[in-house]
Amino acid sequence: TLGDLDGVISAKADRSAEATSVTYDPARVDVQAIVEAIRSAGYEA
């Protein structure tokens, strides 16, 4: 889901850490859009 967002360079979700590590270009996407994308996939973020 995050890989489809314009501006996201990489994403690594880790269920045991309950976190997603994201590298992105802030000129193309912001944190709120990333959070909303995770939520749209059905997860709390």
All heavy atoms as atom14 arrays in JSON, in Angstrom:
{
  "sequence": "TLGDLDGVISAKADRSAEATSVTYDPARVDVQAIVEAIRSAGYEA",
  "atom14_mask": [
    [1, 1, 1, 1, 1, 1, 1, 0, 0, 0, 0, 0, 0, 0],
    [1, 1, 1, 1, 1, 1, 1, 1, 0, 0, 0, 0, 0, 0],
    [1, 1, 1, 1, 0, 0, 0, 0, 0, 0, 0, 0, 0, 0],
    [1, 1, 1, 1, 1, 1, 1, 1, 0, 0, 0, 0, 0, 0],
    [1, 1, 1, 1, 1, 1, 1, 1, 0, 0, 0, 0, 0, 0],
    [1, 1, 1, 1, 1, 1, 1, 1, 0, 0, 0, 0, 0, 0],
    [1, 1, 1, 1, 0, 0, 0, 0, 0, 0, 0, 0, 0, 0],
    [1, 1, 1, 1, 1, 1, 1, 0, 0, 0, 0, 0, 0, 0],
    [1, 1, 1, 1, 1, 1, 1, 1, 0, 0, 0, 0, 0, 0],
    [1, 1, 1, 1, 1, 1, 0, 0, 0, 0, 0, 0, 0, 0],
    [1, 1, 1, 1, 1, 0, 0, 0, 0, 0, 0, 0, 0, 0],
    [1, 1, 1, 1, 1, 1, 1, 1, 1, 0, 0, 0, 0, 0],
    [1, 1, 1, 1, 1, 0, 0, 0, 0, 0, 0, 0, 0, 0],
    [1, 1, 1, 1, 1, 1, 1, 1, 0, 0, 0, 0, 0, 0],
    [1, 1, 1, 1, 1, 1, 1, 1, 1, 1, 1, 0, 0, 0],
    [1, 1, 1, 1, 1, 1, 0, 0, 0, 0, 0, 0, 0, 0],
    [1, 1, 1, 1, 1, 0, 0, 0, 0, 0, 0, 0, 0, 0],
    [1, 1, 1, 1, 1, 1, 1, 1, 1, 0, 0, 0, 0, 0],
    [1, 1, 1, 1, 1, 0, 0, 0, 0, 0, 0, 0, 0, 0],
    [1, 1, 1, 1, 1, 1, 1, 0, 0, 0, 0, 0, 0, 0],
    [1, 1, 1, 1, 1, 1, 0, 0, 0, 0, 0, 0, 0, 0],
    [1, 1, 1, 1, 1, 1, 1, 0, 0, 0, 0, 0, 0, 0],
    [1, 1, 1, 1, 1, 1, 1, 0, 0, 0, 0, 0, 0, 0],
    [1, 1, 1, 1, 1, 1, 1, 1, 1, 1, 1, 1, 0, 0],
    [1, 1, 1, 1, 1, 1, 1, 1, 0, 0, 0, 0, 0, 0],
    [1, 1, 1, 1, 1, 1, 1, 0, 0, 0, 0, 0, 0, 0],
    [1, 1, 1, 1, 1, 0, 0, 0, 0, 0, 0, 0, 0, 0],
    [1, 1, 1, 1, 1, 1, 1, 1, 1, 1, 1, 0, 0, 0],
    [1, 1, 1, 1, 1, 1, 1, 0, 0, 0, 0, 0, 0, 0],
    [1, 1, 1, 1, 1, 1, 1, 1, 0, 0, 0, 0, 0, 0],
    [1, 1, 1, 1, 1, 1, 1, 0, 0, 0, 0, 0, 0, 0],
    [1, 1, 1, 1, 1, 1, 1, 1, 1, 0, 0, 0, 0, 0],
    [1, 1, 1, 1, 1, 0, 0, 0, 0, 0, 0, 0, 0, 0],
    [1, 1, 1, 1, 1, 1, 1, 1, 0, 0, 0, 0, 0, 0],
    [1, 1, 1, 1, 1, 1, 1, 0, 0, 0, 0, 0, 0, 0],
    [1, 1, 1, 1, 1, 1, 1, 1, 1, 0, 0, 0, 0, 0],
    [1, 1, 1, 1, 1, 0, 0, 0, 0, 0, 0, 0, 0, 0],
    [1, 1, 1, 1, 1, 1, 1, 1, 0, 0, 0, 0, 0, 0],
    [1, 1, 1, 1, 1, 1, 1, 1, 1, 1, 1, 0, 0, 0],
    [1, 1, 1, 1, 1, 1, 0, 0, 0, 0, 0, 0, 0, 0],
    [1, 1, 1, 1, 1, 0, 0, 0, 0, 0, 0, 0, 0, 0],
    [1, 1, 1, 1, 0, 0, 0, 0, 0, 0, 0, 0, 0, 0],
    [1, 1, 1, 1, 1, 1, 1, 1, 1, 1, 1, 1, 0, 0],
    [1, 1, 1, 1, 1, 1, 1, 1, 1, 0, 0, 0, 0, 0],
    [1, 1, 1, 1, 1, 0, 0, 0, 0, 0, 0, 0, 0, 0]
  ],
  "atom14_positions": [
    [[0.83, -1.21, 0.0], [0.0, 0.0, 0.0], [0.87, 1.25, 0.0], [0.64, 2.18, -0.78], [-0.94, 0.0, 1.23], [-1.81, -1.14, 1.14], [-1.77, 1.27, 1.29], [0.0, 0.0, 0.0], [0.0, 0.0, 0.0], [0.0, 0.0, 0.0], [0.0, 0.0, 0.0], [0.0, 0.0, 0.0], [0.0, 0.0, 0.0], [0.0, 0.0, 0.0]],
    [[1.87, 1.28, 0.85], [2.74, 2.45, 0.92], [3.62, 2.56, -0.32], [3.95, 3.67, -0.76], [3.59, 2.42, 2.19], [2.8, 2.57, 3.49], [3.74, 2.52, 4.68], [1.97, 3.83, 3.5], [0.0, 0.0, 0.0], [0.0, 0.0, 0.0], [0.0, 0.0, 0.0], [0.0, 0.0, 0.0], [0.0, 0.0, 0.0], [0.0, 0.0, 0.0]],
    [[4.01, 1.43, -0.9], [4.81, 1.44, -2.11], [4.1, 2.1, -3.28], [4.73, 2.6, -4.21], [0.0, 0.0, 0.0], [0.0, 0.0, 0.0], [0.0, 0.0, 0.0], [0.0, 0.0, 0.0], [0.0, 0.0, 0.0], [0.0, 0.0, 0.0], [0.0, 0.0, 0.0], [0.0, 0.0, 0.0], [0.0, 0.0, 0.0], [0.0, 0.0, 0.0]],
    [[2.75, 2.13, -3.23], [1.97, 2.77, -4.29], [1.85, 4.28, -4.11], [1.4, 4.97, -5.01], [0.55, 2.17, -4.33], [0.53, 0.77, -4.92], [1.5, 0.39, -5.6], [-0.47, 0.06, -4.7], [0.0, 0.0, 0.0], [0.0, 0.0, 0.0], [0.0, 0.0, 0.0], [0.0, 0.0, 0.0], [0.0, 0.0, 0.0], [0.0, 0.0, 0.0]],
    [[2.25, 4.8, -2.95], [2.18, 6.24, -2.7], [3.34, 6.96, -3.38], [4.51, 6.59, -3.18], [2.26, 6.55, -1.21], [1.0, 6.56, -0.39], [1.33, 6.96, 1.05], [-0.04, 7.49, -0.95], [0.0, 0.0, 0.0], [0.0, 0.0, 0.0], [0.0, 0.0, 0.0], [0.0, 0.0, 0.0], [0.0, 0.0, 0.0], [0.0, 0.0, 0.0]],
    [[3.03, 7.97, -4.15], [4.07, 8.77, -4.79], [4.89, 9.46, -3.71], [4.35, 10.14, -2.84], [3.43, 9.81, -5.71], [4.47, 10.63, -6.45], [5.46, 10.03, -6.92], [4.29, 11.85, -6.55], [0.0, 0.0, 0.0], [0.0, 0.0, 0.0], [0.0, 0.0, 0.0], [0.0, 0.0, 0.0], [0.0, 0.0, 0.0], [0.0, 0.0, 0.0]],
    [[6.19, 9.25, -3.72], [7.08, 9.88, -2.76], [7.62, 8.94, -1.7], [8.59, 9.27, -1.02], [0.0, 0.0, 0.0], [0.0, 0.0, 0.0], [0.0, 0.0, 0.0], [0.0, 0.0, 0.0], [0.0, 0.0, 0.0], [0.0, 0.0, 0.0], [0.0, 0.0, 0.0], [0.0, 0.0, 0.0], [0.0, 0.0, 0.0], [0.0, 0.0, 0.0]],
    [[6.99, 7.77, -1.55], [7.51, 6.79, -0.59], [8.65, 6.03, -1.26], [8.48, 5.44, -2.32], [6.41, 5.83, -0.1], [7.01, 4.7, 0.72], [5.38, 6.58, 0.72], [0.0, 0.0, 0.0], [0.0, 0.0, 0.0], [0.0, 0.0, 0.0], [0.0, 0.0, 0.0], [0.0, 0.0, 0.0], [0.0, 0.0, 0.0], [0.0, 0.0, 0.0]],
    [[9.81, 6.06, -0.63], [11.0, 5.4, -1.17], [11.03, 3.94, -0.71], [11.3, 3.04, -1.5], [12.29, 6.11, -0.7], [12.22, 7.62, -0.94], [13.52, 5.47, -1.32], [12.0, 8.05, -2.36], [0.0, 0.0, 0.0], [0.0, 0.0, 0.0], [0.0, 0.0, 0.0], [0.0, 0.0, 0.0], [0.0, 0.0, 0.0], [0.0, 0.0, 0.0]],
    [[10.77, 3.71, 0.58], [10.75, 2.35, 1.1], [9.85, 2.29, 2.33], [9.64, 3.3, 3.0], [12.15, 1.87, 1.47], [12.66, 2.61, 2.56], [0.0, 0.0, 0.0], [0.0, 0.0, 0.0], [0.0, 0.0, 0.0], [0.0, 0.0, 0.0], [0.0, 0.0, 0.0], [0.0, 0.0, 0.0], [0.0, 0.0, 0.0], [0.0, 0.0, 0.0]],
    [[9.32, 1.09, 2.57], [8.46, 0.88, 3.74], [8.7, -0.53, 4.25], [8.77, -1.48, 3.46], [7.0, 1.07, 3.38], [0.0, 0.0, 0.0], [0.0, 0.0, 0.0], [0.0, 0.0, 0.0], [0.0, 0.0, 0.0], [0.0, 0.0, 0.0], [0.0, 0.0, 0.0], [0.0, 0.0, 0.0], [0.0, 0.0, 0.0], [0.0, 0.0, 0.0]],
    [[8.83, -0.67, 5.55], [9.03, -1.98, 6.18], [8.16, -2.04, 7.42], [8.4, -1.36, 8.41], [10.52, -2.15, 6.55], [10.82, -3.46, 7.24], [10.66, -4.63, 6.3], [11.07, -5.92, 7.01], [10.25, -7.04, 6.61], [0.0, 0.0, 0.0], [0.0, 0.0, 0.0], [0.0, 0.0, 0.0], [0.0, 0.0, 0.0], [0.0, 0.0, 0.0]],
    [[7.11, -2.87, 7.34], [6.21, -3.06, 8.47], [6.76, -4.18, 9.35], [7.29, -5.17, 8.85], [4.82, -3.4, 7.98], [0.0, 0.0, 0.0], [0.0, 0.0, 0.0], [0.0, 0.0, 0.0], [0.0, 0.0, 0.0], [0.0, 0.0, 0.0], [0.0, 0.0, 0.0], [0.0, 0.0, 0.0], [0.0, 0.0, 0.0], [0.0, 0.0, 0.0]],
    [[6.61, -4.02, 10.67], [7.1, -5.01, 11.62], [6.03, -5.23, 12.68], [5.82, -4.4, 13.56], [8.4, -4.52, 12.26], [9.03, -5.52, 13.21], [8.36, -6.48, 13.63], [10.21, -5.32, 13.53], [0.0, 0.0, 0.0], [0.0, 0.0, 0.0], [0.0, 0.0, 0.0], [0.0, 0.0, 0.0], [0.0, 0.0, 0.0], [0.0, 0.0, 0.0]],
    [[5.33, -6.38, 12.57], [4.21, -6.64, 13.49], [4.67, -6.79, 14.93], [3.97, -6.39, 15.85], [3.41, -7.86, 13.04], [4.14, -9.17, 13.12], [3.28, -10.31, 12.54], [4.01, -11.56, 12.52], [4.82, -11.96, 11.56], [5.02, -11.18, 10.52], [5.43, -13.12, 11.63], [0.0, 0.0, 0.0], [0.0, 0.0, 0.0], [0.0, 0.0, 0.0]],
    [[5.86, -7.37, 15.16], [6.32, -7.55, 16.54], [6.67, -6.22, 17.2], [6.5, -6.06, 18.41], [7.51, -8.51, 16.6], [8.61, -7.99, 15.88], [0.0, 0.0, 0.0], [0.0, 0.0, 0.0], [0.0, 0.0, 0.0], [0.0, 0.0, 0.0], [0.0, 0.0, 0.0], [0.0, 0.0, 0.0], [0.0, 0.0, 0.0], [0.0, 0.0, 0.0]],
    [[7.13, -5.26, 16.44], [7.45, -3.93, 16.97], [6.23, -3.0, 16.92], [6.28, -1.89, 17.46], [8.59, -3.31, 16.18], [0.0, 0.0, 0.0], [0.0, 0.0, 0.0], [0.0, 0.0, 0.0], [0.0, 0.0, 0.0], [0.0, 0.0, 0.0], [0.0, 0.0, 0.0], [0.0, 0.0, 0.0], [0.0, 0.0, 0.0], [0.0, 0.0, 0.0]],
    [[5.16, -3.46, 16.26], [3.97, -2.64, 16.06], [4.34, -1.28, 15.47], [3.92, -0.23, 15.95], [3.16, -2.49, 17.35], [2.56, -3.78, 17.84], [1.61, -3.6, 19.0], [1.86, -2.74, 19.88], [0.61, -4.33, 19.02], [0.0, 0.0, 0.0], [0.0, 0.0, 0.0], [0.0, 0.0, 0.0], [0.0, 0.0, 0.0], [0.0, 0.0, 0.0]],
    [[5.13, -1.33, 14.39], [5.58, -0.1, 13.76], [5.87, -0.35, 12.28], [6.12, -1.47, 11.86], [6.83, 0.42, 14.44], [0.0, 0.0, 0.0], [0.0, 0.0, 0.0], [0.0, 0.0, 0.0], [0.0, 0.0, 0.0], [0.0, 0.0, 0.0], [0.0, 0.0, 0.0], [0.0, 0.0, 0.0], [0.0, 0.0, 0.0], [0.0, 0.0, 0.0]],
    [[5.84, 0.74, 11.53], [6.21, 0.71, 10.12], [7.27, 1.77, 9.9], [7.06, 2.95, 10.21], [4.98, 1.0, 9.23], [3.96, 0.04, 9.52], [5.35, 0.89, 7.75], [0.0, 0.0, 0.0], [0.0, 0.0, 0.0], [0.0, 0.0, 0.0], [0.0, 0.0, 0.0], [0.0, 0.0, 0.0], [0.0, 0.0, 0.0], [0.0, 0.0, 0.0]],
    [[8.43, 1.35, 9.4], [9.51, 2.28, 9.09], [9.35, 2.72, 7.64], [9.24, 1.88, 6.74], [10.86, 1.6, 9.27], [11.01, 1.18, 10.61], [0.0, 0.0, 0.0], [0.0, 0.0, 0.0], [0.0, 0.0, 0.0], [0.0, 0.0, 0.0], [0.0, 0.0, 0.0], [0.0, 0.0, 0.0], [0.0, 0.0, 0.0], [0.0, 0.0, 0.0]],
    [[9.34, 4.03, 7.43], [9.1, 4.58, 6.1], [10.17, 5.62, 5.78], [10.47, 6.49, 6.59], [7.7, 5.23, 6.0], [7.43, 5.72, 4.59], [6.62, 4.26, 6.46], [0.0, 0.0, 0.0], [0.0, 0.0, 0.0], [0.0, 0.0, 0.0], [0.0, 0.0, 0.0], [0.0, 0.0, 0.0], [0.0, 0.0, 0.0], [0.0, 0.0, 0.0]],
    [[10.72, 5.53, 4.58], [11.61, 6.56, 4.06], [10.86, 7.21, 2.9], [10.34, 6.51, 2.03], [12.94, 5.97, 3.58], [13.57, 5.3, 4.69], [13.87, 7.05, 3.04], [0.0, 0.0, 0.0], [0.0, 0.0, 0.0], [0.0, 0.0, 0.0], [0.0, 0.0, 0.0], [0.0, 0.0, 0.0], [0.0, 0.0, 0.0], [0.0, 0.0, 0.0]],
    [[10.78, 8.53, 2.93], [9.98, 9.22, 1.92], [10.58, 10.58, 1.56], [11.45, 11.09, 2.24], [8.54, 9.39, 2.43], [8.4, 10.31, 3.62], [8.03, 11.64, 3.46], [8.64, 9.86, 4.91], [7.91, 12.48, 4.55], [8.52, 10.69, 6.01], [8.15, 12.01, 5.81], [8.04, 12.84, 6.9], [0.0, 0.0, 0.0], [0.0, 0.0, 0.0]],
    [[10.07, 11.13, 0.46], [10.46, 12.45, -0.03], [9.4, 13.44, 0.46], [8.26, 13.4, -0.02], [10.52, 12.43, -1.56], [10.85, 13.77, -2.17], [10.85, 14.79, -1.44], [11.08, 13.82, -3.39], [0.0, 0.0, 0.0], [0.0, 0.0, 0.0], [0.0, 0.0, 0.0], [0.0, 0.0, 0.0], [0.0, 0.0, 0.0], [0.0, 0.0, 0.0]],
    [[9.73, 14.31, 1.42], [8.73, 15.22, 1.98], [8.21, 16.26, 0.98], [7.19, 16.89, 1.23], [9.46, 15.88, 3.15], [10.9, 15.76, 2.81], [11.04, 14.47, 2.03], [0.0, 0.0, 0.0], [0.0, 0.0, 0.0], [0.0, 0.0, 0.0], [0.0, 0.0, 0.0], [0.0, 0.0, 0.0], [0.0, 0.0, 0.0], [0.0, 0.0, 0.0]],
    [[8.87, 16.41, -0.14], [8.37, 17.32, -1.17], [7.22, 16.69, -1.95], [6.48, 17.39, -2.65], [9.5, 17.71, -2.12], [0.0, 0.0, 0.0], [0.0, 0.0, 0.0], [0.0, 0.0, 0.0], [0.0, 0.0, 0.0], [0.0, 0.0, 0.0], [0.0, 0.0, 0.0], [0.0, 0.0, 0.0], [0.0, 0.0, 0.0], [0.0, 0.0, 0.0]],
    [[7.06, 15.36, -1.83], [6.04, 14.66, -2.61], [4.94, 14.03, -1.78], [3.84, 13.78, -2.29], [6.72, 13.6, -3.48], [7.63, 14.24, -4.52], [8.58, 13.29, -5.18], [7.93, 12.2, -5.84], [8.55, 11.08, -6.18], [9.83, 10.93, -5.92], [7.91, 10.1, -6.77], [0.0, 0.0, 0.0], [0.0, 0.0, 0.0], [0.0, 0.0, 0.0]],
    [[5.2, 13.75, -0.51], [4.21, 13.13, 0.37], [4.51, 13.54, 1.8], [5.66, 13.81, 2.14], [4.21, 11.58, 0.21], [5.48, 10.96, 0.75], [2.97, 10.94, 0.81], [0.0, 0.0, 0.0], [0.0, 0.0, 0.0], [0.0, 0.0, 0.0], [0.0, 0.0, 0.0], [0.0, 0.0, 0.0], [0.0, 0.0, 0.0], [0.0, 0.0, 0.0]],
    [[3.46, 13.6, 2.64], [3.7, 13.95, 4.04], [3.3, 12.79, 4.95], [2.69, 11.81, 4.5], [2.98, 15.24, 4.43], [1.47, 15.16, 4.3], [0.91, 14.05, 4.24], [0.84, 16.23, 4.28], [0.0, 0.0, 0.0], [0.0, 0.0, 0.0], [0.0, 0.0, 0.0], [0.0, 0.0, 0.0], [0.0, 0.0, 0.0], [0.0, 0.0, 0.0]],
    [[3.65, 12.9, 6.21], [3.4, 11.83, 7.17], [1.91, 11.53, 7.28], [1.5, 10.38, 7.37], [3.99, 12.17, 8.56], [3.55, 11.18, 9.61], [5.51, 12.21, 8.49], [0.0, 0.0, 0.0], [0.0, 0.0, 0.0], [0.0, 0.0, 0.0], [0.0, 0.0, 0.0], [0.0, 0.0, 0.0], [0.0, 0.0, 0.0], [0.0, 0.0, 0.0]],
    [[1.08, 12.56, 7.26], [-0.36, 12.34, 7.41], [-0.9, 11.49, 6.26], [-1.75, 10.61, 6.48], [-1.12, 13.67, 7.49], [-2.54, 13.5, 7.97], [-2.65, 12.78, 9.32], [-1.9, 13.09, 10.25], [-3.57, 11.85, 9.44], [0.0, 0.0, 0.0], [0.0, 0.0, 0.0], [0.0, 0.0, 0.0], [0.0, 0.0, 0.0], [0.0, 0.0, 0.0]],
    [[-0.42, 11.7, 5.05], [-0.87, 10.88, 3.91], [-0.43, 9.42, 4.09], [-1.16, 8.49, 3.74], [-0.33, 11.45, 2.61], [0.0, 0.0, 0.0], [0.0, 0.0, 0.0], [0.0, 0.0, 0.0], [0.0, 0.0, 0.0], [0.0, 0.0, 0.0], [0.0, 0.0, 0.0], [0.0, 0.0, 0.0], [0.0, 0.0, 0.0], [0.0, 0.0, 0.0]],
    [[0.75, 9.23, 4.66], [1.25, 7.87, 4.92], [0.39, 7.2, 5.97], [-0.02, 6.04, 5.8], [2.74, 7.92, 5.33], [3.59, 8.41, 4.15], [3.21, 6.56, 5.83], [5.01, 8.79, 4.51], [0.0, 0.0, 0.0], [0.0, 0.0, 0.0], [0.0, 0.0, 0.0], [0.0, 0.0, 0.0], [0.0, 0.0, 0.0], [0.0, 0.0, 0.0]],
    [[0.09, 7.91, 7.05], [-0.77, 7.38, 8.12], [-2.14, 7.01, 7.54], [-2.68, 5.94, 7.82], [-0.89, 8.39, 9.28], [-2.01, 8.0, 10.24], [0.44, 8.5, 10.02], [0.0, 0.0, 0.0], [0.0, 0.0, 0.0], [0.0, 0.0, 0.0], [0.0, 0.0, 0.0], [0.0, 0.0, 0.0], [0.0, 0.0, 0.0], [0.0, 0.0, 0.0]],
    [[-2.71, 7.89, 6.73], [-4.03, 7.63, 6.14], [-4.0, 6.4, 5.22], [-4.97, 5.63, 5.17], [-4.53, 8.85, 5.38], [-4.92, 10.0, 6.28], [-6.01, 9.64, 7.3], [-6.95, 8.89, 6.97], [-5.9, 10.11, 8.45], [0.0, 0.0, 0.0], [0.0, 0.0, 0.0], [0.0, 0.0, 0.0], [0.0, 0.0, 0.0], [0.0, 0.0, 0.0]],
    [[-2.91, 6.2, 4.51], [-2.79, 5.03, 3.64], [-2.77, 3.74, 4.47], [-3.4, 2.74, 4.1], [-1.54, 5.13, 2.77], [0.0, 0.0, 0.0], [0.0, 0.0, 0.0], [0.0, 0.0, 0.0], [0.0, 0.0, 0.0], [0.0, 0.0, 0.0], [0.0, 0.0, 0.0], [0.0, 0.0, 0.0], [0.0, 0.0, 0.0], [0.0, 0.0, 0.0]],
    [[-2.06, 3.76, 5.59], [-2.04, 2.58, 6.47], [-3.44, 2.32, 7.01], [-3.92, 1.18, 7.03], [-1.02, 2.77, 7.62], [0.4, 2.83, 7.06], [-1.15, 1.64, 8.65], [1.46, 3.24, 8.08], [0.0, 0.0, 0.0], [0.0, 0.0, 0.0], [0.0, 0.0, 0.0], [0.0, 0.0, 0.0], [0.0, 0.0, 0.0], [0.0, 0.0, 0.0]],
    [[-4.12, 3.37, 7.42], [-5.49, 3.23, 7.93], [-6.42, 2.68, 6.84], [-7.29, 1.86, 7.13], [-6.01, 4.57, 8.45], [-5.34, 5.0, 9.74], [-5.85, 6.34, 10.18], [-5.2, 6.78, 11.41], [-5.21, 8.03, 11.85], [-5.86, 8.97, 11.18], [-4.59, 8.34, 12.97], [0.0, 0.0, 0.0], [0.0, 0.0, 0.0], [0.0, 0.0, 0.0]],
    [[-6.25, 3.16, 5.62], [-7.12, 2.69, 4.52], [-6.91, 1.21, 4.23], [-7.81, 0.55, 3.69], [-6.88, 3.52, 3.25], [-5.66, 3.16, 2.64], [0.0, 0.0, 0.0], [0.0, 0.0, 0.0], [0.0, 0.0, 0.0], [0.0, 0.0, 0.0], [0.0, 0.0, 0.0], [0.0, 0.0, 0.0], [0.0, 0.0, 0.0], [0.0, 0.0, 0.0]],
    [[-5.74, 0.69, 4.62], [-5.47, -0.75, 4.45], [-6.08, -1.56, 5.59], [-6.01, -2.79, 5.57], [-3.97, -0.99, 4.36], [0.0, 0.0, 0.0], [0.0, 0.0, 0.0], [0.0, 0.0, 0.0], [0.0, 0.0, 0.0], [0.0, 0.0, 0.0], [0.0, 0.0, 0.0], [0.0, 0.0, 0.0], [0.0, 0.0, 0.0], [0.0, 0.0, 0.0]],
    [[-6.64, -0.89, 6.6], [-7.33, -1.59, 7.67], [-6.58, -1.7, 8.98], [-6.97, -2.5, 9.84], [0.0, 0.0, 0.0], [0.0, 0.0, 0.0], [0.0, 0.0, 0.0], [0.0, 0.0, 0.0], [0.0, 0.0, 0.0], [0.0, 0.0, 0.0], [0.0, 0.0, 0.0], [0.0, 0.0, 0.0], [0.0, 0.0, 0.0], [0.0, 0.0, 0.0]],
    [[-5.55, -0.9, 9.16], [-4.74, -0.98, 10.37], [-4.77, 0.34, 11.12], [-5.02, 1.39, 10.54], [-3.29, -1.35, 10.02], [-3.25, -2.67, 9.28], [-3.3, -2.71, 7.89], [-3.24, -3.87, 9.98], [-3.32, -3.92, 7.22], [-3.28, -5.08, 9.31], [-3.31, -5.09, 7.93], [-3.36, -6.3, 7.27], [0.0, 0.0, 0.0], [0.0, 0.0, 0.0]],
    [[-4.51, 0.28, 12.42], [-4.43, 1.49, 13.22], [-3.05, 2.11, 13.05], [-2.05, 1.39, 13.13], [-4.65, 1.16, 14.7], [-6.04, 0.64, 15.03], [-6.15, 0.27, 16.49], [-5.62, 1.01, 17.35], [-6.75, -0.78, 16.77], [0.0, 0.0, 0.0], [0.0, 0.0, 0.0], [0.0, 0.0, 0.0], [0.0, 0.0, 0.0], [0.0, 0.0, 0.0]],
    [[-3.01, 3.39, 12.83], [-1.74, 4.08, 12.68], [-1.88, 5.5, 13.2], [-2.96, 6.08, 13.17], [-1.3, 4.11, 11.21], [0.0, 0.0, 0.0], [0.0, 0.0, 0.0], [0.0, 0.0, 0.0], [0.0, 0.0, 0.0], [0.0, 0.0, 0.0], [0.0, 0.0, 0.0], [0.0, 0.0, 0.0], [0.0, 0.0, 0.0], [0.0, 0.0, 0.0]]
  ]
}
